[in-house]
Amino acid sequence: DTLANQIMQCNMSPNIIRIYSEEIEQKEFPILNNHVTGSSLSSAVMVDIALHHKIRKSTNQFSDSIQEQDMLLQLYPDDIGKDQIDEYKATIKKAEMSEIIEADIILCTCVTSARQQLRQNTNVQQIIIDDCNLCTEPESMTPIILNLNLQQVTLLGDSQGLKPLVHNKAARLLGLQTSLMEPYVDKTVDLKI
């Protein structure tokens, strides 16, 4: 989210969307039995640009319907049927697609980049992987492989800093604790900020 803050402080005004994991979305807007326990994350989530918040703002054509369904889920959880939940999820998908299509910049983790709505509704031409030194090579490859029209990939991170954490011994033996940045360390451009 540091990168998002820096972009938002520029004099440009691109349409930025931050897509969080489904787990974080469920903590803030649970769908009945899918409720994930934990405290509200609103202070950590960038509410102004978070996709799961943007679809609930009046600027989204589906916001009234989503807010009404949110209220019903909160007030009458025992009275909500499968058809209503399916309708709710379909409305959320339409709302998300309308926001994603309009976005100039989409911020998400490498893993979140594999979400279906991103694979179907975007024409990504540039990927910037921030903190690349902390991502495993396969993790970093996810957005690269899934976006066929890529023209540029930029890796950002501390080439001398921490490496990805891999707890599985077999994965470590296979070399999966290597970041995508490591093979290019001799070609890095160090910025002094």
N, C-alpha and C. Protein backbone atom coordinates (compact mmCIF):
# COMPACT_ATOMS: atom_id res chain seq x y z
N ASP A 1 0.81 -1.20 0.00
CA ASP A 1 0.00 0.00 0.00
C ASP A 1 0.85 1.27 0.00
N THR A 2 2.15 1.10 0.24
CA THR A 2 3.07 2.24 0.19
C THR A 2 3.10 2.80 -1.23
N LEU A 3 3.18 1.91 -2.21
CA LEU A 3 3.19 2.33 -3.61
C LEU A 3 1.89 3.06 -3.95
N ALA A 4 0.77 2.57 -3.48
CA ALA A 4 -0.52 3.22 -3.73
C ALA A 4 -0.52 4.64 -3.18
N ASN A 5 -0.01 4.81 -1.96
CA ASN A 5 0.06 6.15 -1.37
C ASN A 5 0.93 7.08 -2.20
N GLN A 6 2.05 6.57 -2.69
CA GLN A 6 2.94 7.41 -3.51
C GLN A 6 2.27 7.80 -4.82
N ILE A 7 1.58 6.88 -5.45
CA ILE A 7 0.87 7.18 -6.70
C ILE A 7 -0.21 8.22 -6.45
N MET A 8 -0.95 8.05 -5.36
CA MET A 8 -2.05 8.96 -5.06
C MET A 8 -1.57 10.37 -4.72
N GLN A 9 -0.32 10.51 -4.28
CA GLN A 9 0.22 11.81 -3.94
C GLN A 9 0.74 12.57 -5.17
N CYS A 10 0.85 11.88 -6.30
CA CYS A 10 1.29 12.54 -7.53
C CYS A 10 0.21 13.51 -8.00
N ASN A 11 0.58 14.44 -8.85
CA ASN A 11 -0.38 15.40 -9.36
C ASN A 11 -1.31 14.80 -10.42
N MET A 12 -0.99 13.60 -10.88
CA MET A 12 -1.86 12.92 -11.83
C MET A 12 -3.09 12.44 -11.08
N SER A 13 -4.13 12.09 -11.81
CA SER A 13 -5.30 11.54 -11.14
C SER A 13 -5.79 10.29 -11.87
N PRO A 14 -4.96 9.25 -11.90
CA PRO A 14 -5.41 8.02 -12.53
C PRO A 14 -6.47 7.33 -11.68
N ASN A 15 -7.29 6.53 -12.32
CA ASN A 15 -8.30 5.75 -11.61
C ASN A 15 -7.60 4.51 -11.06
N ILE A 16 -7.39 4.49 -9.74
CA ILE A 16 -6.64 3.42 -9.09
C ILE A 16 -7.60 2.51 -8.33
N ILE A 17 -7.38 1.21 -8.47
CA ILE A 17 -8.14 0.22 -7.70
C ILE A 17 -7.15 -0.66 -6.98
N ARG A 18 -7.42 -0.91 -5.69
CA ARG A 18 -6.62 -1.84 -4.90
C ARG A 18 -7.50 -3.06 -4.64
N ILE A 19 -7.07 -4.21 -5.12
CA ILE A 19 -7.85 -5.43 -4.93
C ILE A 19 -7.19 -6.25 -3.84
N TYR A 20 -7.93 -6.45 -2.77
CA TYR A 20 -7.44 -7.23 -1.65
C TYR A 20 -7.84 -8.69 -1.82
N SER A 21 -7.31 -9.55 -0.98
CA SER A 21 -7.65 -10.97 -1.02
C SER A 21 -9.12 -11.15 -0.64
N GLU A 22 -9.68 -12.27 -1.05
CA GLU A 22 -11.07 -12.58 -0.70
C GLU A 22 -11.22 -12.68 0.82
N GLU A 23 -10.19 -13.12 1.52
CA GLU A 23 -10.24 -13.23 2.98
C GLU A 23 -10.45 -11.86 3.61
N ILE A 24 -9.72 -10.86 3.15
CA ILE A 24 -9.88 -9.51 3.69
C ILE A 24 -11.26 -8.96 3.35
N GLU A 25 -11.73 -9.19 2.13
CA GLU A 25 -13.07 -8.74 1.75
C GLU A 25 -14.12 -9.37 2.65
N GLN A 26 -13.96 -10.67 2.95
CA GLN A 26 -14.92 -11.38 3.79
C GLN A 26 -14.90 -10.88 5.24
N LYS A 27 -13.76 -10.41 5.70
CA LYS A 27 -13.70 -9.86 7.06
C LYS A 27 -14.54 -8.59 7.16
N GLU A 28 -14.57 -7.82 6.10
CA GLU A 28 -15.31 -6.56 6.13
C GLU A 28 -16.76 -6.71 5.68
N PHE A 29 -17.01 -7.58 4.73
CA PHE A 29 -18.36 -7.78 4.21
C PHE A 29 -18.64 -9.28 4.11
N PRO A 30 -18.89 -9.92 5.26
CA PRO A 30 -19.09 -11.37 5.27
C PRO A 30 -20.37 -11.79 4.56
N ILE A 31 -20.32 -12.93 3.91
CA ILE A 31 -21.51 -13.53 3.31
C ILE A 31 -21.85 -14.75 4.15
N LEU A 32 -22.78 -14.57 5.06
CA LEU A 32 -23.29 -15.63 5.95
C LEU A 32 -22.22 -16.56 6.49
N ASN A 33 -22.25 -17.82 6.07
CA ASN A 33 -21.37 -18.84 6.63
C ASN A 33 -19.91 -18.63 6.24
N ASN A 34 -19.64 -17.72 5.33
CA ASN A 34 -18.27 -17.47 4.91
C ASN A 34 -17.58 -16.45 5.82
N HIS A 35 -18.24 -16.10 6.93
CA HIS A 35 -17.68 -15.08 7.81
C HIS A 35 -16.31 -15.51 8.36
N VAL A 36 -15.35 -14.63 8.23
CA VAL A 36 -14.01 -14.87 8.75
C VAL A 36 -13.89 -14.04 10.01
N THR A 37 -13.57 -14.67 11.12
CA THR A 37 -13.50 -13.93 12.38
C THR A 37 -12.26 -13.05 12.41
N GLY A 38 -12.39 -11.97 13.14
CA GLY A 38 -11.27 -11.04 13.27
C GLY A 38 -11.80 -9.63 13.36
N SER A 39 -10.94 -8.72 13.72
CA SER A 39 -11.36 -7.34 13.85
C SER A 39 -11.47 -6.70 12.48
N SER A 40 -12.17 -5.58 12.44
CA SER A 40 -12.33 -4.85 11.19
C SER A 40 -10.98 -4.37 10.69
N LEU A 41 -10.81 -4.42 9.40
CA LEU A 41 -9.53 -4.03 8.81
C LEU A 41 -9.59 -2.65 8.16
N SER A 42 -10.69 -1.94 8.32
CA SER A 42 -10.88 -0.68 7.61
C SER A 42 -9.71 0.28 7.78
N SER A 43 -9.06 0.26 8.94
CA SER A 43 -7.93 1.17 9.13
C SER A 43 -6.73 0.75 8.28
N ALA A 44 -6.57 -0.55 8.03
CA ALA A 44 -5.45 -1.02 7.23
C ALA A 44 -5.78 -1.02 5.74
N VAL A 45 -7.05 -1.10 5.41
CA VAL A 45 -7.49 -1.15 4.02
C VAL A 45 -7.60 0.27 3.48
N MET A 46 -7.15 0.47 2.27
CA MET A 46 -7.25 1.77 1.63
C MET A 46 -8.67 1.92 1.08
N VAL A 47 -9.57 2.38 1.92
CA VAL A 47 -11.01 2.39 1.65
C VAL A 47 -11.34 3.15 0.36
N ASP A 48 -10.67 4.25 0.10
CA ASP A 48 -11.00 5.06 -1.08
C ASP A 48 -10.76 4.34 -2.40
N ILE A 49 -9.80 3.41 -2.41
CA ILE A 49 -9.49 2.74 -3.68
C ILE A 49 -9.73 1.23 -3.64
N ALA A 50 -10.10 0.70 -2.47
CA ALA A 50 -10.33 -0.74 -2.35
C ALA A 50 -11.57 -1.14 -3.17
N LEU A 51 -11.41 -2.13 -4.02
CA LEU A 51 -12.50 -2.56 -4.89
C LEU A 51 -13.75 -2.92 -4.11
N HIS A 52 -13.61 -3.66 -3.01
CA HIS A 52 -14.80 -4.08 -2.26
C HIS A 52 -15.50 -2.90 -1.58
N HIS A 53 -14.85 -1.76 -1.47
CA HIS A 53 -15.51 -0.54 -0.98
C HIS A 53 -16.04 0.30 -2.15
N LYS A 54 -15.27 0.38 -3.23
CA LYS A 54 -15.69 1.19 -4.38
C LYS A 54 -17.03 0.72 -4.97
N ILE A 55 -17.27 -0.59 -4.95
CA ILE A 55 -18.53 -1.09 -5.51
C ILE A 55 -19.72 -0.72 -4.65
N ARG A 56 -19.47 -0.24 -3.45
CA ARG A 56 -20.55 0.16 -2.54
C ARG A 56 -20.74 1.67 -2.50
N LYS A 57 -19.94 2.41 -3.27
CA LYS A 57 -20.07 3.87 -3.33
C LYS A 57 -21.13 4.25 -4.36
N SER A 58 -21.73 5.41 -4.17
CA SER A 58 -22.82 5.86 -5.04
C SER A 58 -22.40 6.03 -6.49
N THR A 59 -21.10 6.11 -6.76
CA THR A 59 -20.63 6.25 -8.13
C THR A 59 -20.74 4.95 -8.92
N ASN A 60 -20.97 3.83 -8.23
CA ASN A 60 -21.14 2.55 -8.91
C ASN A 60 -22.62 2.29 -9.09
N GLN A 61 -23.02 1.93 -10.30
CA GLN A 61 -24.43 1.73 -10.62
C GLN A 61 -25.09 0.60 -9.83
N PHE A 62 -24.31 -0.28 -9.25
CA PHE A 62 -24.84 -1.42 -8.51
C PHE A 62 -24.83 -1.19 -6.99
N SER A 63 -24.36 -0.03 -6.54
CA SER A 63 -24.15 0.21 -5.11
C SER A 63 -25.43 0.10 -4.28
N ASP A 64 -26.54 0.65 -4.77
CA ASP A 64 -27.79 0.59 -4.00
C ASP A 64 -28.20 -0.86 -3.74
N SER A 65 -28.14 -1.66 -4.77
CA SER A 65 -28.51 -3.07 -4.64
C SER A 65 -27.57 -3.80 -3.68
N ILE A 66 -26.27 -3.56 -3.80
CA ILE A 66 -25.30 -4.22 -2.92
C ILE A 66 -25.50 -3.79 -1.47
N GLN A 67 -25.69 -2.50 -1.24
CA GLN A 67 -25.88 -2.02 0.13
C GLN A 67 -27.16 -2.58 0.75
N GLU A 68 -28.19 -2.69 -0.05
CA GLU A 68 -29.45 -3.27 0.44
C GLU A 68 -29.24 -4.74 0.81
N GLN A 69 -28.54 -5.46 -0.05
CA GLN A 69 -28.28 -6.87 0.22
C GLN A 69 -27.33 -7.05 1.41
N ASP A 70 -26.36 -6.14 1.57
CA ASP A 70 -25.48 -6.17 2.75
C ASP A 70 -26.31 -6.05 4.02
N MET A 71 -27.25 -5.10 4.01
CA MET A 71 -28.09 -4.87 5.19
C MET A 71 -28.95 -6.10 5.50
N LEU A 72 -29.53 -6.70 4.47
CA LEU A 72 -30.35 -7.90 4.68
C LEU A 72 -29.52 -9.05 5.24
N LEU A 73 -28.30 -9.20 4.74
CA LEU A 73 -27.41 -10.25 5.25
C LEU A 73 -27.08 -10.04 6.73
N GLN A 74 -26.94 -8.78 7.13
CA GLN A 74 -26.64 -8.48 8.52
C GLN A 74 -27.86 -8.67 9.42
N LEU A 75 -29.01 -8.17 8.97
CA LEU A 75 -30.19 -8.17 9.82
C LEU A 75 -30.92 -9.51 9.87
N TYR A 76 -30.97 -10.21 8.75
CA TYR A 76 -31.76 -11.44 8.66
C TYR A 76 -30.95 -12.61 8.09
N PRO A 77 -29.82 -12.94 8.70
CA PRO A 77 -28.97 -14.00 8.13
C PRO A 77 -29.67 -15.36 8.02
N ASP A 78 -30.59 -15.64 8.94
CA ASP A 78 -31.27 -16.94 8.92
C ASP A 78 -32.35 -17.03 7.85
N ASP A 79 -32.75 -15.88 7.32
CA ASP A 79 -33.83 -15.86 6.32
C ASP A 79 -33.33 -15.76 4.89
N ILE A 80 -32.02 -15.73 4.72
CA ILE A 80 -31.43 -15.57 3.38
C ILE A 80 -31.26 -16.95 2.75
N GLY A 81 -31.83 -17.08 1.55
CA GLY A 81 -31.73 -18.35 0.83
C GLY A 81 -30.58 -18.38 -0.17
N LYS A 82 -30.32 -19.54 -0.71
CA LYS A 82 -29.24 -19.73 -1.68
C LYS A 82 -29.44 -18.85 -2.91
N ASP A 83 -30.68 -18.72 -3.37
CA ASP A 83 -30.97 -17.88 -4.54
C ASP A 83 -30.58 -16.43 -4.29
N GLN A 84 -30.87 -15.93 -3.08
CA GLN A 84 -30.52 -14.55 -2.74
C GLN A 84 -29.00 -14.36 -2.68
N ILE A 85 -28.31 -15.36 -2.13
CA ILE A 85 -26.85 -15.27 -2.06
C ILE A 85 -26.26 -15.32 -3.47
N ASP A 86 -26.78 -16.18 -4.32
CA ASP A 86 -26.31 -16.24 -5.71
C ASP A 86 -26.53 -14.92 -6.43
N GLU A 87 -27.70 -14.30 -6.20
CA GLU A 87 -28.00 -13.00 -6.81
C GLU A 87 -27.04 -11.93 -6.30
N TYR A 88 -26.78 -11.97 -4.99
CA TYR A 88 -25.84 -11.03 -4.36
C TYR A 88 -24.45 -11.16 -4.97
N LYS A 89 -23.96 -12.38 -5.08
CA LYS A 89 -22.64 -12.62 -5.66
C LYS A 89 -22.59 -12.18 -7.12
N ALA A 90 -23.66 -12.41 -7.87
CA ALA A 90 -23.71 -12.00 -9.28
C ALA A 90 -23.68 -10.48 -9.39
N THR A 91 -24.38 -9.79 -8.51
CA THR A 91 -24.38 -8.32 -8.50
C THR A 91 -22.99 -7.80 -8.17
N ILE A 92 -22.34 -8.41 -7.20
CA ILE A 92 -20.99 -7.99 -6.84
C ILE A 92 -20.04 -8.18 -8.02
N LYS A 93 -20.15 -9.30 -8.73
CA LYS A 93 -19.29 -9.53 -9.90
C LYS A 93 -19.49 -8.46 -10.96
N LYS A 94 -20.74 -8.10 -11.24
CA LYS A 94 -21.03 -7.06 -12.23
C LYS A 94 -20.44 -5.72 -11.78
N ALA A 95 -20.61 -5.41 -10.50
CA ALA A 95 -20.08 -4.16 -9.96
C ALA A 95 -18.56 -4.13 -10.04
N GLU A 96 -17.93 -5.24 -9.70
CA GLU A 96 -16.47 -5.32 -9.77
C GLU A 96 -15.99 -5.17 -11.21
N MET A 97 -16.66 -5.83 -12.13
CA MET A 97 -16.26 -5.71 -13.54
C MET A 97 -16.35 -4.27 -14.01
N SER A 98 -17.41 -3.56 -13.61
CA SER A 98 -17.57 -2.17 -14.05
C SER A 98 -16.44 -1.29 -13.51
N GLU A 99 -15.98 -1.57 -12.30
CA GLU A 99 -14.87 -0.79 -11.73
C GLU A 99 -13.53 -1.18 -12.36
N ILE A 100 -13.31 -2.47 -12.54
CA ILE A 100 -12.03 -2.95 -13.09
C ILE A 100 -11.83 -2.45 -14.51
N ILE A 101 -12.87 -2.48 -15.31
CA ILE A 101 -12.78 -2.03 -16.71
C ILE A 101 -12.37 -0.56 -16.80
N GLU A 102 -12.80 0.24 -15.84
CA GLU A 102 -12.51 1.68 -15.84
C GLU A 102 -11.16 2.03 -15.20
N ALA A 103 -10.50 1.07 -14.58
CA ALA A 103 -9.26 1.35 -13.84
C ALA A 103 -8.09 1.61 -14.77
N ASP A 104 -7.29 2.60 -14.40
CA ASP A 104 -6.03 2.87 -15.09
C ASP A 104 -4.90 2.07 -14.44
N ILE A 105 -4.98 1.93 -13.11
CA ILE A 105 -3.96 1.22 -12.35
C ILE A 105 -4.67 0.25 -11.40
N ILE A 106 -4.23 -1.01 -11.42
CA ILE A 106 -4.76 -2.02 -10.52
C ILE A 106 -3.63 -2.49 -9.62
N LEU A 107 -3.84 -2.37 -8.33
CA LEU A 107 -2.84 -2.80 -7.35
C LEU A 107 -3.36 -4.05 -6.64
N CYS A 108 -2.52 -5.06 -6.58
CA CYS A 108 -2.88 -6.30 -5.88
C CYS A 108 -1.62 -7.11 -5.65
N THR A 109 -1.75 -8.17 -4.87
CA THR A 109 -0.61 -9.06 -4.68
C THR A 109 -0.47 -9.95 -5.91
N CYS A 110 0.65 -10.61 -6.03
CA CYS A 110 0.87 -11.54 -7.14
C CYS A 110 -0.19 -12.63 -7.14
N VAL A 111 -0.50 -13.16 -5.97
CA VAL A 111 -1.48 -14.23 -5.87
C VAL A 111 -2.88 -13.72 -6.24
N THR A 112 -3.24 -12.53 -5.76
CA THR A 112 -4.55 -11.97 -6.07
C THR A 112 -4.70 -11.69 -7.56
N SER A 113 -3.61 -11.49 -8.26
CA SER A 113 -3.69 -11.23 -9.71
C SER A 113 -4.27 -12.41 -10.48
N ALA A 114 -4.35 -13.56 -9.86
CA ALA A 114 -4.92 -14.75 -10.52
C ALA A 114 -6.44 -14.82 -10.39
N ARG A 115 -7.05 -13.87 -9.68
CA ARG A 115 -8.51 -13.90 -9.52
C ARG A 115 -9.19 -13.80 -10.88
N GLN A 116 -10.28 -14.50 -11.01
CA GLN A 116 -10.99 -14.63 -12.28
C GLN A 116 -11.36 -13.29 -12.90
N GLN A 117 -11.88 -12.35 -12.10
CA GLN A 117 -12.32 -11.09 -12.68
C GLN A 117 -11.16 -10.28 -13.26
N LEU A 118 -9.94 -10.50 -12.78
CA LEU A 118 -8.78 -9.82 -13.35
C LEU A 118 -8.32 -10.49 -14.63
N ARG A 119 -8.43 -11.79 -14.69
CA ARG A 119 -8.01 -12.52 -15.89
C ARG A 119 -8.97 -12.24 -17.05
N GLN A 120 -10.22 -11.99 -16.77
CA GLN A 120 -11.22 -11.84 -17.83
C GLN A 120 -11.45 -10.41 -18.28
N ASN A 121 -11.17 -9.44 -17.44
CA ASN A 121 -11.61 -8.08 -17.72
C ASN A 121 -10.51 -7.05 -17.85
N THR A 122 -9.29 -7.49 -18.04
CA THR A 122 -8.20 -6.52 -18.11
C THR A 122 -7.33 -6.76 -19.34
N ASN A 123 -6.65 -5.70 -19.72
CA ASN A 123 -5.67 -5.76 -20.79
C ASN A 123 -4.38 -5.16 -20.23
N VAL A 124 -3.76 -5.91 -19.33
CA VAL A 124 -2.58 -5.42 -18.62
C VAL A 124 -1.39 -5.38 -19.58
N GLN A 125 -0.73 -4.22 -19.61
CA GLN A 125 0.43 -4.05 -20.48
C GLN A 125 1.72 -3.85 -19.69
N GLN A 126 1.58 -3.44 -18.44
CA GLN A 126 2.76 -3.23 -17.60
C GLN A 126 2.48 -3.79 -16.21
N ILE A 127 3.46 -4.50 -15.66
CA ILE A 127 3.36 -5.02 -14.30
C ILE A 127 4.56 -4.52 -13.51
N ILE A 128 4.27 -4.02 -12.33
CA ILE A 128 5.32 -3.62 -11.39
C ILE A 128 5.16 -4.52 -10.18
N ILE A 129 6.18 -5.29 -9.88
CA ILE A 129 6.15 -6.16 -8.71
C ILE A 129 7.00 -5.51 -7.63
N ASP A 130 6.31 -4.96 -6.63
CA ASP A 130 6.98 -4.29 -5.51
C ASP A 130 7.38 -5.33 -4.47
N ASP A 131 8.44 -5.08 -3.76
CA ASP A 131 8.97 -6.03 -2.78
C ASP A 131 9.21 -7.40 -3.40
N CYS A 132 9.69 -7.38 -4.62
CA CYS A 132 9.92 -8.62 -5.37
C CYS A 132 10.91 -9.54 -4.67
N ASN A 133 11.81 -8.98 -3.89
CA ASN A 133 12.78 -9.81 -3.16
C ASN A 133 12.10 -10.70 -2.13
N LEU A 134 10.87 -10.37 -1.73
CA LEU A 134 10.14 -11.16 -0.73
C LEU A 134 9.20 -12.19 -1.34
N CYS A 135 9.04 -12.17 -2.65
CA CYS A 135 8.15 -13.11 -3.35
C CYS A 135 8.96 -14.26 -3.93
N THR A 136 8.41 -15.46 -3.84
CA THR A 136 9.09 -16.59 -4.48
C THR A 136 8.97 -16.41 -6.00
N GLU A 137 9.85 -17.07 -6.70
CA GLU A 137 9.84 -16.97 -8.17
C GLU A 137 8.50 -17.40 -8.76
N PRO A 138 7.94 -18.56 -8.36
CA PRO A 138 6.63 -18.94 -8.92
C PRO A 138 5.54 -17.92 -8.59
N GLU A 139 5.58 -17.36 -7.39
CA GLU A 139 4.60 -16.36 -6.99
C GLU A 139 4.69 -15.12 -7.90
N SER A 140 5.90 -14.67 -8.16
CA SER A 140 6.11 -13.50 -9.03
C SER A 140 5.73 -13.78 -10.48
N MET A 141 5.85 -15.02 -10.89
CA MET A 141 5.52 -15.37 -12.28
C MET A 141 4.02 -15.37 -12.54
N THR A 142 3.19 -15.49 -11.50
CA THR A 142 1.73 -15.57 -11.67
C THR A 142 1.19 -14.43 -12.53
N PRO A 143 1.40 -13.16 -12.17
CA PRO A 143 0.83 -12.10 -13.01
C PRO A 143 1.48 -12.02 -14.40
N ILE A 144 2.71 -12.44 -14.50
CA ILE A 144 3.42 -12.38 -15.78
C ILE A 144 2.84 -13.40 -16.76
N ILE A 145 2.63 -14.61 -16.28
CA ILE A 145 2.10 -15.68 -17.13
C ILE A 145 0.65 -15.43 -17.53
N LEU A 146 -0.12 -14.84 -16.62
CA LEU A 146 -1.56 -14.68 -16.87
C LEU A 146 -1.91 -13.49 -17.76
N ASN A 147 -0.97 -12.63 -18.05
CA ASN A 147 -1.25 -11.43 -18.85
C ASN A 147 -0.48 -11.50 -20.16
N LEU A 148 -1.20 -11.85 -21.21
CA LEU A 148 -0.58 -12.15 -22.50
C LEU A 148 -0.10 -10.92 -23.27
N ASN A 149 -0.64 -9.74 -22.96
CA ASN A 149 -0.29 -8.53 -23.72
C ASN A 149 0.76 -7.67 -23.04
N LEU A 150 1.51 -8.27 -22.14
CA LEU A 150 2.52 -7.52 -21.40
C LEU A 150 3.57 -6.92 -22.32
N GLN A 151 3.92 -5.68 -22.02
CA GLN A 151 4.99 -5.02 -22.74
C GLN A 151 6.19 -4.75 -21.83
N GLN A 152 5.92 -4.69 -20.51
CA GLN A 152 7.00 -4.36 -19.60
C GLN A 152 6.73 -4.96 -18.23
N VAL A 153 7.79 -5.47 -17.60
CA VAL A 153 7.75 -5.94 -16.22
C VAL A 153 8.85 -5.22 -15.47
N THR A 154 8.49 -4.61 -14.35
CA THR A 154 9.45 -3.91 -13.51
C THR A 154 9.48 -4.58 -12.15
N LEU A 155 10.66 -4.94 -11.70
CA LEU A 155 10.81 -5.57 -10.40
C LEU A 155 11.39 -4.54 -9.43
N LEU A 156 10.71 -4.31 -8.33
CA LEU A 156 11.17 -3.39 -7.30
C LEU A 156 11.41 -4.17 -6.02
N GLY A 157 12.46 -3.83 -5.33
CA GLY A 157 12.74 -4.49 -4.06
C GLY A 157 14.17 -4.24 -3.63
N ASP A 158 14.47 -4.70 -2.45
CA ASP A 158 15.81 -4.55 -1.90
C ASP A 158 16.63 -5.77 -2.30
N SER A 159 17.51 -5.60 -3.27
CA SER A 159 18.28 -6.73 -3.78
C SER A 159 19.23 -7.31 -2.70
N GLN A 160 19.50 -6.53 -1.68
CA GLN A 160 20.36 -7.00 -0.58
C GLN A 160 19.53 -7.35 0.66
N GLY A 161 18.22 -7.25 0.56
CA GLY A 161 17.34 -7.42 1.72
C GLY A 161 16.90 -8.85 1.95
N LEU A 162 15.82 -8.97 2.69
CA LEU A 162 15.27 -10.27 3.05
C LEU A 162 14.89 -11.07 1.81
N LYS A 163 14.89 -12.37 1.98
CA LYS A 163 14.50 -13.29 0.90
C LYS A 163 13.13 -13.87 1.24
N PRO A 164 12.48 -14.51 0.28
CA PRO A 164 11.17 -15.11 0.55
C PRO A 164 11.26 -16.18 1.65
N LEU A 165 10.22 -16.24 2.46
CA LEU A 165 10.15 -17.28 3.49
C LEU A 165 9.44 -18.50 2.92
N VAL A 166 10.12 -19.62 2.95
CA VAL A 166 9.54 -20.88 2.49
C VAL A 166 9.71 -21.88 3.63
N HIS A 167 8.61 -22.30 4.22
CA HIS A 167 8.66 -23.16 5.39
C HIS A 167 8.76 -24.64 5.03
N ASN A 168 8.32 -25.02 3.86
CA ASN A 168 8.32 -26.42 3.46
C ASN A 168 9.73 -26.84 3.03
N LYS A 169 10.25 -27.89 3.69
CA LYS A 169 11.62 -28.33 3.42
C LYS A 169 11.79 -28.80 1.98
N ALA A 170 10.82 -29.55 1.45
CA ALA A 170 10.91 -30.03 0.07
C ALA A 170 10.95 -28.86 -0.91
N ALA A 171 10.15 -27.84 -0.65
CA ALA A 171 10.14 -26.66 -1.52
C ALA A 171 11.49 -25.95 -1.47
N ARG A 172 12.08 -25.87 -0.28
CA ARG A 172 13.40 -25.25 -0.16
C ARG A 172 14.44 -26.05 -0.93
N LEU A 173 14.39 -27.37 -0.82
CA LEU A 173 15.35 -28.23 -1.53
C LEU A 173 15.21 -28.08 -3.05
N LEU A 174 14.01 -27.75 -3.50
CA LEU A 174 13.79 -27.53 -4.93
C LEU A 174 14.17 -26.12 -5.38
N GLY A 175 14.61 -25.30 -4.43
CA GLY A 175 15.05 -23.95 -4.77
C GLY A 175 13.94 -22.93 -4.84
N LEU A 176 12.79 -23.23 -4.26
CA LEU A 176 11.66 -22.32 -4.35
C LEU A 176 11.75 -21.14 -3.39
N GLN A 177 12.83 -21.02 -2.64
CA GLN A 177 13.01 -19.86 -1.79
C GLN A 177 13.72 -18.73 -2.54
N THR A 178 13.94 -18.93 -3.82
CA THR A 178 14.59 -17.92 -4.65
C THR A 178 13.55 -16.93 -5.17
N SER A 179 13.89 -15.65 -5.15
CA SER A 179 12.99 -14.64 -5.70
C SER A 179 13.31 -14.44 -7.18
N LEU A 180 12.36 -13.89 -7.90
CA LEU A 180 12.57 -13.60 -9.32
C LEU A 180 13.66 -12.54 -9.49
N MET A 181 13.88 -11.77 -8.47
CA MET A 181 14.88 -10.71 -8.54
C MET A 181 16.32 -11.24 -8.47
N GLU A 182 16.54 -12.33 -7.77
CA GLU A 182 17.90 -12.83 -7.52
C GLU A 182 18.73 -13.06 -8.78
N PRO A 183 18.19 -13.67 -9.84
CA PRO A 183 19.03 -13.88 -11.02
C PRO A 183 19.46 -12.58 -11.71
N TYR A 184 18.78 -11.48 -11.38
CA TYR A 184 19.06 -10.20 -12.05
C TYR A 184 19.79 -9.21 -11.15
N VAL A 185 20.29 -9.66 -10.01
CA VAL A 185 20.93 -8.76 -9.06
C VAL A 185 22.07 -7.98 -9.69
N ASP A 186 22.85 -8.62 -10.56
CA ASP A 186 23.98 -7.92 -11.19
C ASP A 186 23.52 -6.88 -12.20
N LYS A 187 22.24 -6.88 -12.56
CA LYS A 187 21.70 -5.90 -13.52
C LYS A 187 20.81 -4.86 -12.85
N THR A 188 20.76 -4.87 -11.52
CA THR A 188 19.86 -3.96 -10.81
C THR A 188 20.38 -2.52 -10.87
N VAL A 189 19.44 -1.61 -10.75
CA VAL A 189 19.75 -0.21 -10.63
C VAL A 189 19.38 0.18 -9.21
N ASP A 190 20.38 0.53 -8.41
CA ASP A 190 20.13 0.90 -7.02
C ASP A 190 19.74 2.37 -6.94
N LEU A 191 18.62 2.61 -6.28
CA LEU A 191 18.15 3.98 -6.07
C LEU A 191 18.51 4.41 -4.66
N LYS A 192 19.05 5.57 -4.52
CA LYS A 192 19.36 6.13 -3.20
C LYS A 192 18.27 7.13 -2.87
N ILE A 193 17.39 6.73 -1.96
CA ILE A 193 16.26 7.61 -1.60
C ILE A 193 16.41 8.07 -0.18
